[in-house]
Amino acid sequence: MNLHGLLPKHEGHGTRDRRARTSRLTRIARRSGVVVGLATVTSLAAAGSAAAARYCWPEVNLPAVHLPAVHLPGGTLPGGTLPGGTLPGGCLGSYCTKPIKVPPMTVPPMHVPPVDIPARTIPAQHLPGGCLTTSAAFAPAATTVRIAGYSAIDPSFSPSLSNAYWRSAGTTVSIPDVTAPGFGELNAAGFPRNQYVRAYLRRDGTYVSGYWRNSPTDGLPTCHIIRC
C-alpha cells in the first residue's frame, strides 16, 4: 500500500520537474529570441549607416549667356515616287509564302515654314554645392554627366542652340547640380537617378534646366570633370 501510494507521487514530481525545465527553457528561448531580434535590428541599422556617407560637391557659378536671334529659313522638301517591286516568296521548312507585289508610292512635296527664334539671355546661376550625407549610389564617383545623345531623350533637342549655349557657358555647365530635380531619388523601376543631364535648348528656343536620370553607362564619369 505504501509502495503503491508512493509511485504516483514520484511520477508527479517528475512531471512537475519536466514542466519546470520546459518552462525555463521556453523563457530562455523567448529571451534569446528578443536578443537575436535586437541584434538583427542593430546589424541592419549598422549596415544602413555604412551604406550612407558624406560626399562633397563643388559650388558652381554659371555665367549669364546671351543667345542672339535665330532665323531658320523655310523650304520645300521635294516629293517623289518610290518605285514598287516584288518581294520574292520562299519556303522555310514546310511553310511557304507567295511573292508579294508592292505598288509604287507617290510622296507629295512638303512645305516647311520658316521659324524665327527671338534673342534671349539665360541669367547667371549659382549652384551652391556643399557636403551632404547620402547613399553611395549618389557619390560623385558613382555618377555620370550626359555629354551626347540628347536627341534620344528629347526629340525636340536643338544641337545648334544647345552647342552655342554650352560653348558660351564654358566648362562649368558640365558640373553636376545636386539641387537639380531627381538627385538622390530612384526612378519608377527602383534604380538611382545617377546621370546628370546638362541644361539645353529645344528647337523652339525653350530652355530646359538640368536634371538627373538613370543611365549608368552612356555618360562621362563625373570624376573626369570634378576632383573626387
Protein backbone atom coordinates (compact mmCIF):
# COMPACT_ATOMS: atom_id res chain seq x y z
CA MET A 1 0.00 0.00 0.00
CA ASN A 2 2.76 2.36 0.84
CA LEU A 3 4.63 1.46 -2.37
CA HIS A 4 1.53 1.96 -4.46
CA GLY A 5 0.94 5.25 -2.70
CA LEU A 6 4.48 6.49 -3.45
CA LEU A 7 4.58 5.64 -7.15
CA PRO A 8 2.04 8.21 -8.28
CA LYS A 9 3.68 10.77 -6.04
CA HIS A 10 7.14 10.07 -7.63
CA GLU A 11 5.68 10.35 -11.17
CA GLY A 12 4.02 13.65 -10.25
CA HIS A 13 7.34 15.13 -9.12
CA GLY A 14 8.97 14.04 -12.39
CA THR A 15 6.22 15.59 -14.44
CA ARG A 16 6.43 18.83 -12.50
CA ASP A 17 10.23 18.85 -12.88
CA ARG A 18 9.95 18.34 -16.64
CA ARG A 19 7.32 21.06 -16.87
CA ALA A 20 9.52 23.39 -14.84
CA ARG A 21 12.53 22.68 -17.04
CA THR A 22 10.38 23.15 -20.16
CA SER A 23 9.07 26.44 -18.81
CA ARG A 24 12.59 27.66 -18.02
CA LEU A 25 13.80 26.64 -21.48
CA THR A 26 10.83 28.43 -23.06
CA ARG A 27 11.61 31.60 -21.12
CA ILE A 28 15.27 31.37 -22.12
CA ALA A 29 14.33 30.81 -25.78
CA ARG A 30 12.00 33.79 -25.68
CA ARG A 31 14.69 35.96 -24.13
CA SER A 32 17.18 34.64 -26.71
CA GLY A 33 14.73 35.45 -29.47
CA VAL A 34 14.50 39.02 -28.19
CA VAL A 35 18.29 39.24 -28.08
CA VAL A 36 18.58 37.80 -31.60
CA GLY A 37 15.88 40.17 -32.83
CA LEU A 38 17.64 43.15 -31.28
CA ALA A 39 20.94 42.01 -32.74
CA THR A 40 19.36 41.72 -36.18
CA VAL A 41 17.87 45.21 -35.98
CA THR A 42 21.21 46.57 -34.76
CA SER A 43 23.02 44.85 -37.66
CA LEU A 44 20.57 46.26 -40.20
CA ALA A 45 20.92 49.73 -38.73
CA ALA A 46 24.70 49.44 -38.87
CA ALA A 47 24.52 48.28 -42.49
CA GLY A 48 22.29 51.23 -43.36
CA SER A 49 24.72 53.63 -41.72
CA ALA A 50 27.62 52.06 -43.58
CA ALA A 51 25.79 52.43 -46.90
CA ALA A 52 25.39 56.17 -46.41
CA ALA A 53 28.35 58.53 -46.25
CA ARG A 54 29.17 62.20 -46.54
CA TYR A 55 30.12 63.38 -50.01
CA CYS A 56 31.09 66.87 -51.12
CA TRP A 57 30.19 68.59 -54.38
CA PRO A 58 31.73 71.86 -55.58
CA GLU A 59 29.75 75.06 -55.91
CA VAL A 60 29.34 76.35 -59.45
CA ASN A 61 28.79 79.83 -60.86
CA LEU A 62 27.27 79.71 -64.33
CA PRO A 63 27.67 82.98 -66.26
CA ALA A 64 24.82 84.74 -67.99
CA VAL A 65 24.62 83.69 -71.63
CA HIS A 66 23.11 85.79 -74.40
CA LEU A 67 21.82 83.88 -77.39
CA PRO A 68 21.20 86.02 -80.49
CA ALA A 69 18.06 85.77 -82.55
CA VAL A 70 17.98 82.89 -84.99
CA HIS A 71 16.12 82.71 -88.30
CA LEU A 72 15.54 79.23 -89.68
CA PRO A 73 14.54 79.59 -93.32
CA GLY A 74 11.67 77.55 -94.58
CA GLY A 75 11.68 75.49 -97.72
CA THR A 76 10.06 72.73 -99.62
CA LEU A 77 11.04 69.13 -99.38
CA PRO A 78 10.67 67.71 -102.88
CA GLY A 79 8.22 64.95 -103.44
CA GLY A 80 8.84 61.89 -105.49
CA THR A 81 7.79 58.40 -106.33
CA LEU A 82 9.06 55.35 -104.52
CA PRO A 83 9.26 52.58 -107.08
CA GLY A 84 7.29 49.44 -106.48
CA GLY A 85 8.58 45.96 -106.78
CA THR A 86 8.05 42.36 -105.85
CA LEU A 87 9.15 40.75 -102.63
CA PRO A 88 10.17 37.20 -103.50
CA GLY A 89 8.43 34.30 -101.85
CA GLY A 90 10.16 31.35 -100.35
CA CYS A 91 9.92 28.35 -98.08
CA LEU A 92 11.12 27.70 -94.57
CA GLY A 93 10.70 24.04 -93.92
CA SER A 94 7.12 23.15 -94.77
CA TYR A 95 5.96 26.78 -94.57
CA CYS A 96 5.94 28.68 -97.86
CA THR A 97 4.98 32.22 -98.83
CA LYS A 98 4.00 33.59 -102.23
CA PRO A 99 5.71 36.59 -103.84
CA ILE A 100 4.22 39.92 -102.70
CA LYS A 101 3.83 42.77 -105.18
CA VAL A 102 4.40 46.26 -103.70
CA PRO A 103 2.84 49.08 -105.77
CA PRO A 104 4.68 52.39 -106.37
CA MET A 105 4.09 55.10 -103.75
CA THR A 106 3.96 58.82 -104.52
CA VAL A 107 5.09 61.24 -101.80
CA PRO A 108 3.86 64.82 -102.33
CA PRO A 109 6.16 67.81 -101.74
CA MET A 110 6.18 69.08 -98.15
CA HIS A 111 6.45 72.76 -97.26
CA VAL A 112 8.35 73.66 -94.07
CA PRO A 113 7.56 77.20 -92.86
CA PRO A 114 10.36 79.48 -91.63
CA VAL A 115 10.95 79.77 -87.88
CA ASP A 116 12.18 82.83 -86.01
CA ILE A 117 13.61 82.33 -82.53
CA PRO A 118 13.96 85.64 -80.70
CA ALA A 119 17.13 86.61 -78.87
CA ARG A 120 17.22 85.73 -75.21
CA THR A 121 19.51 85.92 -72.22
CA ILE A 122 19.83 82.98 -69.87
CA PRO A 123 20.56 84.56 -66.48
CA ALA A 124 23.60 83.72 -64.38
CA GLN A 125 23.10 80.93 -61.87
CA HIS A 126 24.77 79.98 -58.61
CA LEU A 127 24.74 76.28 -57.74
CA PRO A 128 25.58 76.03 -54.04
CA GLY A 129 27.09 72.53 -53.96
CA GLY A 130 28.22 71.55 -50.47
CA CYS A 131 28.54 68.36 -48.46
CA LEU A 132 25.65 66.04 -47.79
CA THR A 133 25.06 62.58 -46.40
CA THR A 134 23.59 60.26 -49.00
CA SER A 135 23.70 56.74 -50.38
CA ALA A 136 26.89 55.59 -52.08
CA ALA A 137 24.81 55.34 -55.29
CA PHE A 138 24.91 59.15 -55.44
CA ALA A 139 28.59 59.62 -54.64
CA PRO A 140 30.44 61.61 -57.33
CA ALA A 141 32.37 58.50 -58.35
CA ALA A 142 29.11 56.62 -58.96
CA THR A 143 27.55 59.25 -61.23
CA THR A 144 28.00 60.43 -64.81
CA VAL A 145 27.25 63.50 -66.92
CA ARG A 146 25.44 63.15 -70.23
CA ILE A 147 27.50 64.87 -72.91
CA ALA A 148 25.96 63.36 -76.07
CA GLY A 149 22.83 61.68 -77.37
CA TYR A 150 20.37 64.33 -76.19
CA SER A 151 18.05 63.71 -79.14
CA ALA A 152 17.47 60.21 -77.77
CA ILE A 153 15.91 61.62 -74.60
CA ASP A 154 14.26 64.68 -76.16
CA PRO A 155 13.23 64.62 -79.85
CA SER A 156 12.91 68.44 -79.76
CA PHE A 157 16.55 68.91 -78.75
CA SER A 158 18.39 71.54 -80.80
CA PRO A 159 22.08 70.72 -81.40
CA SER A 160 22.89 74.19 -82.76
CA LEU A 161 21.23 76.19 -79.96
CA SER A 162 22.47 73.87 -77.22
CA ASN A 163 26.05 73.82 -78.51
CA ALA A 164 26.04 77.63 -78.67
CA TYR A 165 24.83 77.75 -75.07
CA TRP A 166 27.35 75.16 -73.84
CA ARG A 167 30.24 76.97 -75.58
CA SER A 168 29.25 80.31 -74.05
CA ALA A 169 28.70 78.89 -70.55
CA GLY A 170 32.08 77.15 -70.56
CA THR A 171 33.14 74.01 -68.73
CA THR A 172 31.14 74.88 -65.61
CA VAL A 173 27.94 73.89 -67.40
CA SER A 174 29.05 70.25 -67.16
CA ILE A 175 29.49 70.24 -63.37
CA PRO A 176 26.52 68.37 -61.86
CA ASP A 177 23.95 70.33 -59.88
CA VAL A 178 22.94 68.38 -56.76
CA THR A 179 19.97 70.72 -56.25
CA ALA A 180 18.51 69.80 -59.66
CA PRO A 181 15.38 67.60 -59.82
CA GLY A 182 15.98 63.87 -59.37
CA PHE A 183 19.20 63.90 -57.35
CA GLY A 184 19.11 61.34 -54.54
CA GLU A 185 15.96 59.72 -55.92
CA LEU A 186 15.10 56.39 -57.52
CA ASN A 187 13.19 56.13 -60.77
CA ALA A 188 9.92 54.21 -61.16
CA ALA A 189 11.86 50.96 -61.68
CA GLY A 190 13.80 51.44 -58.45
CA PHE A 191 17.14 52.46 -59.99
CA PRO A 192 19.10 55.51 -58.80
CA ARG A 193 18.95 58.67 -60.89
CA ASN A 194 22.71 58.76 -61.27
CA GLN A 195 23.26 60.69 -64.51
CA TYR A 196 23.18 64.46 -64.71
CA VAL A 197 21.59 65.88 -67.87
CA ARG A 198 23.04 69.33 -68.57
CA ALA A 199 20.73 72.25 -69.27
CA TYR A 200 20.00 72.54 -73.01
CA LEU A 201 17.68 74.20 -75.54
CA ARG A 202 14.97 72.86 -77.79
CA ARG A 203 14.39 73.82 -81.42
CA ASP A 204 11.75 76.40 -80.48
CA GLY A 205 14.19 78.12 -78.10
CA THR A 206 12.80 76.59 -74.91
CA TYR A 207 15.42 76.37 -72.17
CA VAL A 208 15.40 73.04 -70.30
CA SER A 209 17.06 73.09 -66.87
CA GLY A 210 19.42 70.33 -65.79
CA TYR A 211 18.02 67.24 -64.11
CA TRP A 212 19.01 63.71 -63.04
CA ARG A 213 18.01 60.45 -64.69
CA ASN A 214 19.11 56.80 -64.51
CA SER A 215 21.62 55.87 -67.17
CA PRO A 216 24.84 54.39 -65.79
CA THR A 217 26.76 53.53 -68.96
CA ASP A 218 26.46 56.29 -71.57
CA GLY A 219 27.85 59.35 -69.83
CA LEU A 220 31.19 60.89 -68.90
CA PRO A 221 32.21 59.89 -65.33
CA THR A 222 31.73 62.84 -63.01
CA CYS A 223 35.23 62.33 -61.61
CA HIS A 224 36.60 63.23 -65.06
CA ILE A 225 35.02 66.67 -64.61
CA ILE A 226 35.49 67.44 -60.93
CA ARG A 227 38.08 66.33 -58.39
CA CYS A 228 36.70 63.35 -56.48
